[in-house]
Amino acid sequence: MIMVDTLMHAWAKIAKNAEEILIQINSFLHQRMSSQRFMTLLMLRWNEQEQKMYYTGAGHEHLLIYRRKTETIETIRSGGIALRMIPDIRNIVQEKSVEMEE
């Protein structure tokens, strides 16, 4: 987890989105980790200019969003595949937006 956290912070400065970050992390881990190890995660990215939230799943559980106006919880499947499972995840991982309310 420490290695992934470090890689996220390093690539966050040069990547254009979370999808690109996870693709790079997966490639790094696949070359260096045991085949019996993997990691799931759900990455959130806030775009200040657009005032928009994005998420990218790597085989993790659902994203839960509490909607205050309706007092309901929205469940969104995160998607993707766990990091380190296959050599290249670029055709599987996808960044998606989440509609937010004030």
PDB file of N, CA and C in Angstrom:
ATOM      1  N   MET A   1       0.815  -1.188   0.000  1.00  0.00           N
ATOM      2  CA  MET A   1       0.000   0.000   0.000  1.00  0.00           C
ATOM      3  C   MET A   1       0.862   1.257   0.000  1.00  0.00           C
ATOM      4  N   ILE A   2       1.947   1.221   0.717  1.00  0.00           N
ATOM      5  CA  ILE A   2       2.843   2.381   0.765  1.00  0.00           C
ATOM      6  C   ILE A   2       3.433   2.646  -0.615  1.00  0.00           C
ATOM      7  N   MET A   3       3.802   1.562  -1.325  1.00  0.00           N
ATOM      8  CA  MET A   3       4.367   1.705  -2.655  1.00  0.00           C
ATOM      9  C   MET A   3       3.338   2.338  -3.605  1.00  0.00           C
ATOM     10  N   VAL A   4       2.100   1.881  -3.555  1.00  0.00           N
ATOM     11  CA  VAL A   4       1.051   2.428  -4.422  1.00  0.00           C
ATOM     12  C   VAL A   4       0.769   3.884  -4.064  1.00  0.00           C
ATOM     13  N   ASP A   5       0.721   4.202  -2.792  1.00  0.00           N
ATOM     14  CA  ASP A   5       0.497   5.581  -2.366  1.00  0.00           C
ATOM     15  C   ASP A   5       1.601   6.495  -2.903  1.00  0.00           C
ATOM     16  N   THR A   6       2.836   6.052  -2.805  1.00  0.00           N
ATOM     17  CA  THR A   6       3.971   6.830  -3.303  1.00  0.00           C
ATOM     18  C   THR A   6       3.881   7.020  -4.814  1.00  0.00           C
ATOM     19  N   LEU A   7       3.558   5.944  -5.530  1.00  0.00           N
ATOM     20  CA  LEU A   7       3.434   6.028  -6.986  1.00  0.00           C
ATOM     21  C   LEU A   7       2.300   6.963  -7.390  1.00  0.00           C
ATOM     22  N   MET A   8       1.179   6.908  -6.674  1.00  0.00           N
ATOM     23  CA  MET A   8       0.047   7.796  -6.979  1.00  0.00           C
ATOM     24  C   MET A   8       0.459   9.257  -6.872  1.00  0.00           C
ATOM     25  N   HIS A   9       1.135   9.585  -5.788  1.00  0.00           N
ATOM     26  CA  HIS A   9       1.545  10.976  -5.599  1.00  0.00           C
ATOM     27  C   HIS A   9       2.561  11.413  -6.660  1.00  0.00           C
ATOM     28  N   ALA A  10       3.441  10.524  -7.041  1.00  0.00           N
ATOM     29  CA  ALA A  10       4.441  10.854  -8.062  1.00  0.00           C
ATOM     30  C   ALA A  10       3.797  11.069  -9.427  1.00  0.00           C
ATOM     31  N   TRP A  11       2.921  10.160  -9.836  1.00  0.00           N
ATOM     32  CA  TRP A  11       2.298  10.268 -11.164  1.00  0.00           C
ATOM     33  C   TRP A  11       1.168  11.290 -11.205  1.00  0.00           C
ATOM     34  N   ALA A  12       0.608  11.653 -10.085  1.00  0.00           N
ATOM     35  CA  ALA A  12      -0.475  12.639 -10.068  1.00  0.00           C
ATOM     36  C   ALA A  12       0.002  13.989 -10.600  1.00  0.00           C
ATOM     37  N   LYS A  13       1.272  14.271 -10.453  1.00  0.00           N
ATOM     38  CA  LYS A  13       1.813  15.552 -10.909  1.00  0.00           C
ATOM     39  C   LYS A  13       2.003  15.606 -12.425  1.00  0.00           C
ATOM     40  N   ILE A  14       2.077  14.441 -13.085  1.00  0.00           N
ATOM     41  CA  ILE A  14       2.340  14.443 -14.522  1.00  0.00           C
ATOM     42  C   ILE A  14       1.217  13.813 -15.356  1.00  0.00           C
ATOM     43  N   ALA A  15       0.339  13.063 -14.745  1.00  0.00           N
ATOM     44  CA  ALA A  15      -0.740  12.398 -15.483  1.00  0.00           C
ATOM     45  C   ALA A  15      -1.890  13.362 -15.732  1.00  0.00           C
ATOM     46  N   LYS A  16      -2.645  13.102 -16.799  1.00  0.00           N
ATOM     47  CA  LYS A  16      -3.778  13.977 -17.109  1.00  0.00           C
ATOM     48  C   LYS A  16      -5.057  13.554 -16.414  1.00  0.00           C
ATOM     49  N   ASN A  17      -5.122  12.277 -15.947  1.00  0.00           N
ATOM     50  CA  ASN A  17      -6.315  11.814 -15.228  1.00  0.00           C
ATOM     51  C   ASN A  17      -5.982  10.559 -14.406  1.00  0.00           C
ATOM     52  N   ALA A  18      -6.943  10.120 -13.606  1.00  0.00           N
ATOM     53  CA  ALA A  18      -6.731   8.967 -12.726  1.00  0.00           C
ATOM     54  C   ALA A  18      -6.553   7.672 -13.514  1.00  0.00           C
ATOM     55  N   GLU A  19      -7.217   7.580 -14.630  1.00  0.00           N
ATOM     56  CA  GLU A  19      -7.093   6.400 -15.494  1.00  0.00           C
ATOM     57  C   GLU A  19      -5.628   6.174 -15.880  1.00  0.00           C
ATOM     58  N   GLU A  20      -4.978   7.220 -16.302  1.00  0.00           N
ATOM     59  CA  GLU A  20      -3.564   7.146 -16.695  1.00  0.00           C
ATOM     60  C   GLU A  20      -2.681   6.753 -15.502  1.00  0.00           C
ATOM     61  N   ILE A  21      -2.990   7.289 -14.333  1.00  0.00           N
ATOM     62  CA  ILE A  21      -2.225   6.956 -13.130  1.00  0.00           C
ATOM     63  C   ILE A  21      -2.320   5.470 -12.825  1.00  0.00           C
ATOM     64  N   LEU A  22      -3.535   4.921 -12.856  1.00  0.00           N
ATOM     65  CA  LEU A  22      -3.713   3.502 -12.531  1.00  0.00           C
ATOM     66  C   LEU A  22      -3.079   2.586 -13.572  1.00  0.00           C
ATOM     67  N   ILE A  23      -3.107   2.986 -14.831  1.00  0.00           N
ATOM     68  CA  ILE A  23      -2.448   2.196 -15.881  1.00  0.00           C
ATOM     69  C   ILE A  23      -0.943   2.118 -15.608  1.00  0.00           C
ATOM     70  N   GLN A  24      -0.340   3.246 -15.244  1.00  0.00           N
ATOM     71  CA  GLN A  24       1.094   3.278 -14.963  1.00  0.00           C
ATOM     72  C   GLN A  24       1.443   2.481 -13.699  1.00  0.00           C
ATOM     73  N   ILE A  25       0.633   2.628 -12.651  1.00  0.00           N
ATOM     74  CA  ILE A  25       0.877   1.887 -11.418  1.00  0.00           C
ATOM     75  C   ILE A  25       0.764   0.396 -11.661  1.00  0.00           C
ATOM     76  N   ASN A  26      -0.247  -0.019 -12.411  1.00  0.00           N
ATOM     77  CA  ASN A  26      -0.422  -1.439 -12.708  1.00  0.00           C
ATOM     78  C   ASN A  26       0.799  -2.001 -13.437  1.00  0.00           C
ATOM     79  N   SER A  27       1.286  -1.272 -14.418  1.00  0.00           N
ATOM     80  CA  SER A  27       2.461  -1.716 -15.174  1.00  0.00           C
ATOM     81  C   SER A  27       3.671  -1.871 -14.252  1.00  0.00           C
ATOM     82  N   PHE A  28       3.885  -0.906 -13.393  1.00  0.00           N
ATOM     83  CA  PHE A  28       4.993  -0.949 -12.439  1.00  0.00           C
ATOM     84  C   PHE A  28       4.864  -2.160 -11.516  1.00  0.00           C
ATOM     85  N   LEU A  29       3.673  -2.358 -10.935  1.00  0.00           N
ATOM     86  CA  LEU A  29       3.459  -3.468 -10.001  1.00  0.00           C
ATOM     87  C   LEU A  29       3.591  -4.814 -10.683  1.00  0.00           C
ATOM     88  N   HIS A  30       3.098  -4.909 -11.905  1.00  0.00           N
ATOM     89  CA  HIS A  30       3.130  -6.201 -12.611  1.00  0.00           C
ATOM     90  C   HIS A  30       4.561  -6.671 -12.848  1.00  0.00           C
ATOM     91  N   GLN A  31       5.455  -5.755 -13.031  1.00  0.00           N
ATOM     92  CA  GLN A  31       6.860  -6.093 -13.262  1.00  0.00           C
ATOM     93  C   GLN A  31       7.613  -6.422 -11.978  1.00  0.00           C
ATOM     94  N   ARG A  32       7.104  -5.976 -10.828  1.00  0.00           N
ATOM     95  CA  ARG A  32       7.878  -6.060  -9.596  1.00  0.00           C
ATOM     96  C   ARG A  32       7.268  -6.868  -8.454  1.00  0.00           C
ATOM     97  N   MET A  33       6.004  -7.269  -8.573  1.00  0.00           N
ATOM     98  CA  MET A  33       5.343  -7.964  -7.466  1.00  0.00           C
ATOM     99  C   MET A  33       5.089  -9.428  -7.783  1.00  0.00           C
ATOM    100  N   SER A  34       4.964 -10.205  -6.751  1.00  0.00           N
ATOM    101  CA  SER A  34       4.619 -11.613  -6.860  1.00  0.00           C
ATOM    102  C   SER A  34       3.260 -11.758  -7.536  1.00  0.00           C
ATOM    103  N   SER A  35       3.083 -12.822  -8.295  1.00  0.00           N
ATOM    104  CA  SER A  35       1.820 -13.055  -8.997  1.00  0.00           C
ATOM    105  C   SER A  35       0.678 -13.359  -8.036  1.00  0.00           C
ATOM    106  N   GLN A  36       0.987 -13.615  -6.775  1.00  0.00           N
ATOM    107  CA  GLN A  36      -0.051 -13.924  -5.794  1.00  0.00           C
ATOM    108  C   GLN A  36      -0.531 -12.679  -5.038  1.00  0.00           C
ATOM    109  N   ARG A  37      -0.022 -11.537  -5.404  1.00  0.00           N
ATOM    110  CA  ARG A  37      -0.415 -10.285  -4.738  1.00  0.00           C
ATOM    111  C   ARG A  37      -1.145  -9.385  -5.729  1.00  0.00           C
ATOM    112  N   PHE A  38      -2.142  -8.681  -5.222  1.00  0.00           N
ATOM    113  CA  PHE A  38      -2.874  -7.708  -6.026  1.00  0.00           C
ATOM    114  C   PHE A  38      -3.466  -6.662  -5.090  1.00  0.00           C
ATOM    115  N   MET A  39      -4.026  -5.605  -5.665  1.00  0.00           N
ATOM    116  CA  MET A  39      -4.597  -4.537  -4.850  1.00  0.00           C
ATOM    117  C   MET A  39      -5.807  -3.947  -5.557  1.00  0.00           C
ATOM    118  N   THR A  40      -6.890  -3.784  -4.810  1.00  0.00           N
ATOM    119  CA  THR A  40      -8.056  -3.096  -5.354  1.00  0.00           C
ATOM    120  C   THR A  40      -8.084  -1.684  -4.785  1.00  0.00           C
ATOM    121  N   LEU A  41      -8.659  -0.765  -5.543  1.00  0.00           N
ATOM    122  CA  LEU A  41      -8.826   0.590  -5.036  1.00  0.00           C
ATOM    123  C   LEU A  41      -9.848   1.336  -5.873  1.00  0.00           C
ATOM    124  N   LEU A  42     -10.315   2.410  -5.331  1.00  0.00           N
ATOM    125  CA  LEU A  42     -11.224   3.318  -6.012  1.00  0.00           C
ATOM    126  C   LEU A  42     -10.619   4.703  -5.867  1.00  0.00           C
ATOM    127  N   MET A  43     -10.276   5.309  -6.978  1.00  0.00           N
ATOM    128  CA  MET A  43      -9.598   6.601  -6.957  1.00  0.00           C
ATOM    129  C   MET A  43     -10.580   7.702  -7.342  1.00  0.00           C
ATOM    130  N   LEU A  44     -10.625   8.761  -6.527  1.00  0.00           N
ATOM    131  CA  LEU A  44     -11.465   9.917  -6.804  1.00  0.00           C
ATOM    132  C   LEU A  44     -10.585  11.095  -7.199  1.00  0.00           C
ATOM    133  N   ARG A  45     -11.095  11.886  -8.150  1.00  0.00           N
ATOM    134  CA  ARG A  45     -10.352  13.071  -8.602  1.00  0.00           C
ATOM    135  C   ARG A  45     -11.322  14.239  -8.702  1.00  0.00           C
ATOM    136  N   TRP A  46     -11.017  15.329  -8.020  1.00  0.00           N
ATOM    137  CA  TRP A  46     -11.840  16.527  -8.058  1.00  0.00           C
ATOM    138  C   TRP A  46     -11.213  17.515  -9.030  1.00  0.00           C
ATOM    139  N   ASN A  47     -12.005  17.971 -10.018  1.00  0.00           N
ATOM    140  CA  ASN A  47     -11.546  18.984 -10.962  1.00  0.00           C
ATOM    141  C   ASN A  47     -12.105  20.328 -10.505  1.00  0.00           C
ATOM    142  N   GLU A  48     -11.238  21.154  -9.978  1.00  0.00           N
ATOM    143  CA  GLU A  48     -11.640  22.442  -9.411  1.00  0.00           C
ATOM    144  C   GLU A  48     -12.260  23.355 -10.459  1.00  0.00           C
ATOM    145  N   GLN A  49     -11.681  23.406 -11.647  1.00  0.00           N
ATOM    146  CA  GLN A  49     -12.190  24.296 -12.700  1.00  0.00           C
ATOM    147  C   GLN A  49     -13.597  23.902 -13.146  1.00  0.00           C
ATOM    148  N   GLU A  50     -13.827  22.611 -13.322  1.00  0.00           N
ATOM    149  CA  GLU A  50     -15.138  22.132 -13.766  1.00  0.00           C
ATOM    150  C   GLU A  50     -16.129  21.969 -12.617  1.00  0.00           C
ATOM    151  N   GLN A  51     -15.603  21.975 -11.386  1.00  0.00           N
ATOM    152  CA  GLN A  51     -16.422  21.676 -10.203  1.00  0.00           C
ATOM    153  C   GLN A  51     -17.083  20.309 -10.382  1.00  0.00           C
ATOM    154  N   LYS A  52     -16.256  19.324 -10.737  1.00  0.00           N
ATOM    155  CA  LYS A  52     -16.762  17.999 -11.064  1.00  0.00           C
ATOM    156  C   LYS A  52     -15.891  16.917 -10.415  1.00  0.00           C
ATOM    157  N   MET A  53     -16.545  15.842  -9.956  1.00  0.00           N
ATOM    158  CA  MET A  53     -15.861  14.702  -9.347  1.00  0.00           C
ATOM    159  C   MET A  53     -15.779  13.572 -10.365  1.00  0.00           C
ATOM    160  N   TYR A  54     -14.627  12.925 -10.407  1.00  0.00           N
ATOM    161  CA  TYR A  54     -14.412  11.776 -11.282  1.00  0.00           C
ATOM    162  C   TYR A  54     -13.973  10.589 -10.432  1.00  0.00           C
ATOM    163  N   TYR A  55     -14.281   9.381 -10.889  1.00  0.00           N
ATOM    164  CA  TYR A  55     -13.815   8.188 -10.195  1.00  0.00           C
ATOM    165  C   TYR A  55     -13.277   7.183 -11.198  1.00  0.00           C
ATOM    166  N   THR A  56     -12.318   6.396 -10.740  1.00  0.00           N
ATOM    167  CA  THR A  56     -11.739   5.324 -11.542  1.00  0.00           C
ATOM    168  C   THR A  56     -11.567   4.127 -10.633  1.00  0.00           C
ATOM    169  N   GLY A  57     -12.163   3.011 -11.013  1.00  0.00           N
ATOM    170  CA  GLY A  57     -12.111   1.809 -10.196  1.00  0.00           C
ATOM    171  C   GLY A  57     -11.028   0.849 -10.651  1.00  0.00           C
ATOM    172  N   ALA A  58     -10.470   0.171  -9.675  1.00  0.00           N
ATOM    173  CA  ALA A  58      -9.508  -0.901  -9.936  1.00  0.00           C
ATOM    174  C   ALA A  58      -9.973  -2.130  -9.150  1.00  0.00           C
ATOM    175  N   GLY A  59     -11.146  -2.638  -9.533  1.00  0.00           N
ATOM    176  CA  GLY A  59     -11.675  -3.854  -8.927  1.00  0.00           C
ATOM    177  C   GLY A  59     -12.164  -3.723  -7.505  1.00  0.00           C
ATOM    178  N   HIS A  60     -12.404  -2.512  -7.042  1.00  0.00           N
ATOM    179  CA  HIS A  60     -12.811  -2.289  -5.652  1.00  0.00           C
ATOM    180  C   HIS A  60     -14.334  -2.341  -5.514  1.00  0.00           C
ATOM    181  N   GLU A  61     -14.785  -2.224  -4.289  1.00  0.00           N
ATOM    182  CA  GLU A  61     -16.221  -2.227  -4.011  1.00  0.00           C
ATOM    183  C   GLU A  61     -16.903  -1.010  -4.627  1.00  0.00           C
ATOM    184  N   HIS A  62     -18.168  -0.885  -4.373  1.00  0.00           N
ATOM    185  CA  HIS A  62     -18.979   0.200  -4.926  1.00  0.00           C
ATOM    186  C   HIS A  62     -18.634   1.558  -4.317  1.00  0.00           C
ATOM    187  N   LEU A  63     -18.905   2.593  -5.099  1.00  0.00           N
ATOM    188  CA  LEU A  63     -18.831   3.965  -4.630  1.00  0.00           C
ATOM    189  C   LEU A  63     -20.201   4.296  -4.050  1.00  0.00           C
ATOM    190  N   LEU A  64     -20.244   4.803  -2.825  1.00  0.00           N
ATOM    191  CA  LEU A  64     -21.504   5.166  -2.174  1.00  0.00           C
ATOM    192  C   LEU A  64     -21.597   6.682  -2.093  1.00  0.00           C
ATOM    193  N   ILE A  65     -22.723   7.223  -2.550  1.00  0.00           N
ATOM    194  CA  ILE A  65     -22.932   8.663  -2.534  1.00  0.00           C
ATOM    195  C   ILE A  65     -24.227   8.951  -1.790  1.00  0.00           C
ATOM    196  N   TYR A  66     -24.113   9.749  -0.761  1.00  0.00           N
ATOM    197  CA  TYR A  66     -25.296  10.148  -0.010  1.00  0.00           C
ATOM    198  C   TYR A  66     -25.886  11.394  -0.657  1.00  0.00           C
ATOM    199  N   ARG A  67     -27.163  11.306  -1.035  1.00  0.00           N
ATOM    200  CA  ARG A  67     -27.875  12.439  -1.642  1.00  0.00           C
ATOM    201  C   ARG A  67     -28.737  13.089  -0.568  1.00  0.00           C
ATOM    202  N   ARG A  68     -28.307  14.262  -0.123  1.00  0.00           N
ATOM    203  CA  ARG A  68     -28.971  14.934   0.990  1.00  0.00           C
ATOM    204  C   ARG A  68     -30.408  15.340   0.670  1.00  0.00           C
ATOM    205  N   LYS A  69     -30.655  15.802  -0.543  1.00  0.00           N
ATOM    206  CA  LYS A  69     -32.001  16.262  -0.911  1.00  0.00           C
ATOM    207  C   LYS A  69     -33.050  15.147  -0.775  1.00  0.00           C
ATOM    208  N   THR A  70     -32.675  13.953  -1.187  1.00  0.00           N
ATOM    209  CA  THR A  70     -33.623  12.830  -1.145  1.00  0.00           C
ATOM    210  C   THR A  70     -33.371  11.892   0.027  1.00  0.00           C
ATOM    211  N   GLU A  71     -32.299  12.157   0.775  1.00  0.00           N
ATOM    212  CA  GLU A  71     -31.885  11.306   1.892  1.00  0.00           C
ATOM    213  C   GLU A  71     -31.748   9.845   1.473  1.00  0.00           C
ATOM    214  N   THR A  72     -31.123   9.661   0.309  1.00  0.00           N
ATOM    215  CA  THR A  72     -30.897   8.313  -0.215  1.00  0.00           C
ATOM    216  C   THR A  72     -29.401   8.100  -0.442  1.00  0.00           C
ATOM    217  N   ILE A  73     -29.037   6.833  -0.551  1.00  0.00           N
ATOM    218  CA  ILE A  73     -27.651   6.483  -0.852  1.00  0.00           C
ATOM    219  C   ILE A  73     -27.617   5.845  -2.232  1.00  0.00           C
ATOM    220  N   GLU A  74     -26.833   6.449  -3.098  1.00  0.00           N
ATOM    221  CA  GLU A  74     -26.662   5.943  -4.457  1.00  0.00           C
ATOM    222  C   GLU A  74     -25.468   4.989  -4.473  1.00  0.00           C
ATOM    223  N   THR A  75     -25.630   3.865  -5.126  1.00  0.00           N
ATOM    224  CA  THR A  75     -24.560   2.882  -5.231  1.00  0.00           C
ATOM    225  C   THR A  75     -24.096   2.804  -6.680  1.00  0.00           C
ATOM    226  N   ILE A  76     -22.802   3.013  -6.896  1.00  0.00           N
ATOM    227  CA  ILE A  76     -22.239   2.953  -8.242  1.00  0.00           C
ATOM    228  C   ILE A  76     -21.138   1.897  -8.264  1.00  0.00           C
ATOM    229  N   ARG A  77     -21.238   0.953  -9.178  1.00  0.00           N
ATOM    230  CA  ARG A  77     -20.211  -0.075  -9.323  1.00  0.00           C
ATOM    231  C   ARG A  77     -18.916   0.576  -9.799  1.00  0.00           C
ATOM    232  N   SER A  78     -17.817   0.296  -9.109  1.00  0.00           N
ATOM    233  CA  SER A  78     -16.562   0.993  -9.420  1.00  0.00           C
ATOM    234  C   SER A  78     -15.921   0.513 -10.716  1.00  0.00           C
ATOM    235  N   GLY A  79     -16.058  -0.759 -11.035  1.00  0.00           N
ATOM    236  CA  GLY A  79     -15.501  -1.288 -12.283  1.00  0.00           C
ATOM    237  C   GLY A  79     -14.001  -1.522 -12.220  1.00  0.00           C
ATOM    238  N   GLY A  80     -13.430  -1.719 -13.379  1.00  0.00           N
ATOM    239  CA  GLY A  80     -12.001  -1.966 -13.475  1.00  0.00           C
ATOM    240  C   GLY A  80     -11.614  -3.371 -13.052  1.00  0.00           C
ATOM    241  N   ILE A  81     -10.337  -3.559 -12.831  1.00  0.00           N
ATOM    242  CA  ILE A  81      -9.780  -4.838 -12.407  1.00  0.00           C
ATOM    243  C   ILE A  81      -8.686  -4.549 -11.382  1.00  0.00           C
ATOM    244  N   ALA A  82      -8.513  -5.446 -10.442  1.00  0.00           N
ATOM    245  CA  ALA A  82      -7.498  -5.257  -9.403  1.00  0.00           C
ATOM    246  C   ALA A  82      -6.125  -5.033 -10.034  1.00  0.00           C
ATOM    247  N   LEU A  83      -5.353  -4.143  -9.414  1.00  0.00           N
ATOM    248  CA  LEU A  83      -3.993  -3.877  -9.891  1.00  0.00           C
ATOM    249  C   LEU A  83      -3.128  -5.118  -9.716  1.00  0.00           C
ATOM    250  N   ARG A  84      -2.313  -5.380 -10.693  1.00  0.00           N
ATOM    251  CA  ARG A  84      -1.353  -6.484 -10.734  1.00  0.00           C
ATOM    252  C   ARG A  84      -1.948  -7.790 -11.275  1.00  0.00           C
ATOM    253  N   MET A  85      -3.250  -7.834 -11.571  1.00  0.00           N
ATOM    254  CA  MET A  85      -3.882  -9.066 -12.045  1.00  0.00           C
ATOM    255  C   MET A  85      -3.447  -9.418 -13.472  1.00  0.00           C
ATOM    256  N   ILE A  86      -3.374  -8.413 -14.343  1.00  0.00           N
ATOM    257  CA  ILE A  86      -2.953  -8.624 -15.731  1.00  0.00           C
ATOM    258  C   ILE A  86      -1.933  -7.549 -16.098  1.00  0.00           C
ATOM    259  N   PRO A  87      -1.104  -7.784 -17.124  1.00  0.00           N
ATOM    260  CA  PRO A  87      -0.033  -6.831 -17.454  1.00  0.00           C
ATOM    261  C   PRO A  87      -0.512  -5.451 -17.912  1.00  0.00           C
ATOM    262  N   ASP A  88      -1.616  -5.387 -18.651  1.00  0.00           N
ATOM    263  CA  ASP A  88      -2.052  -4.112 -19.225  1.00  0.00           C
ATOM    264  C   ASP A  88      -3.555  -3.932 -18.987  1.00  0.00           C
ATOM    265  N   ILE A  89      -3.926  -2.878 -18.277  1.00  0.00           N
ATOM    266  CA  ILE A  89      -5.333  -2.650 -17.939  1.00  0.00           C
ATOM    267  C   ILE A  89      -5.963  -1.508 -18.737  1.00  0.00           C
ATOM    268  N   ARG A  90      -5.257  -0.997 -19.734  1.00  0.00           N
ATOM    269  CA  ARG A  90      -5.740   0.201 -20.444  1.00  0.00           C
ATOM    270  C   ARG A  90      -7.085   0.001 -21.129  1.00  0.00           C
ATOM    271  N   ASN A  91      -7.466  -1.220 -21.486  1.00  0.00           N
ATOM    272  CA  ASN A  91      -8.763  -1.463 -22.113  1.00  0.00           C
ATOM    273  C   ASN A  91      -9.861  -1.781 -21.099  1.00  0.00           C
ATOM    274  N   ILE A  92      -9.516  -1.790 -19.817  1.00  0.00           N
ATOM    275  CA  ILE A  92     -10.478  -2.152 -18.780  1.00  0.00           C
ATOM    276  C   ILE A  92     -10.805  -0.971 -17.868  1.00  0.00           C
ATOM    277  N   VAL A  93      -9.788  -0.256 -17.444  1.00  0.00           N
ATOM    278  CA  VAL A  93      -9.972   0.848 -16.498  1.00  0.00           C
ATOM    279  C   VAL A  93     -10.518   2.078 -17.236  1.00  0.00           C
ATOM    280  N   GLN A  94     -11.446   2.780 -16.568  1.00  0.00           N
ATOM    281  CA  GLN A  94     -12.068   3.930 -17.210  1.00  0.00           C
ATOM    282  C   GLN A  94     -12.473   4.977 -16.180  1.00  0.00           C
ATOM    283  N   GLU A  95     -12.096   6.217 -16.433  1.00  0.00           N
ATOM    284  CA  GLU A  95     -12.494   7.301 -15.542  1.00  0.00           C
ATOM    285  C   GLU A  95     -13.893   7.767 -15.942  1.00  0.00           C
ATOM    286  N   LYS A  96     -14.757   7.927 -14.935  1.00  0.00           N
ATOM    287  CA  LYS A  96     -16.137   8.359 -15.150  1.00  0.00           C
ATOM    288  C   LYS A  96     -16.456   9.508 -14.195  1.00  0.00           C
ATOM    289  N   SER A  97     -17.428  10.313 -14.585  1.00  0.00           N
ATOM    290  CA  SER A  97     -17.797  11.439 -13.729  1.00  0.00           C
ATOM    291  C   SER A  97     -18.985  11.085 -12.836  1.00  0.00           C
ATOM    292  N   VAL A  98     -19.085  11.817 -11.741  1.00  0.00           N
ATOM    293  CA  VAL A  98     -20.179  11.666 -10.795  1.00  0.00           C
ATOM    294  C   VAL A  98     -20.909  13.004 -10.712  1.00  0.00           C
ATOM    295  N   GLU A  99     -22.203  12.972 -10.896  1.00  0.00           N
ATOM    296  CA  GLU A  99     -22.982  14.202 -10.772  1.00  0.00           C
ATOM    297  C   GLU A  99     -23.090  14.560  -9.293  1.00  0.00           C
ATOM    298  N   MET A 100     -22.660  15.759  -8.952  1.00  0.00           N
ATOM    299  CA  MET A 100     -22.687  16.222  -7.571  1.00  0.00           C
ATOM    300  C   MET A 100     -23.750  17.308  -7.412  1.00  0.00           C
ATOM    301  N   GLU A 101     -24.266  17.413  -6.210  1.00  0.00           N
ATOM    302  CA  GLU A 101     -25.232  18.453  -5.894  1.00  0.00           C
ATOM    303  C   GLU A 101     -24.573  19.454  -4.946  1.00  0.00           C
ATOM    304  N   GLU A 102     -25.137  20.658  -4.890  1.00  0.00           N
ATOM    305  CA  GLU A 102     -24.585  21.645  -3.957  1.00  0.00           C
ATOM    306  C   GLU A 102     -24.843  21.212  -2.539  1.00  0.00           C
TER     307      GLU A 102
END
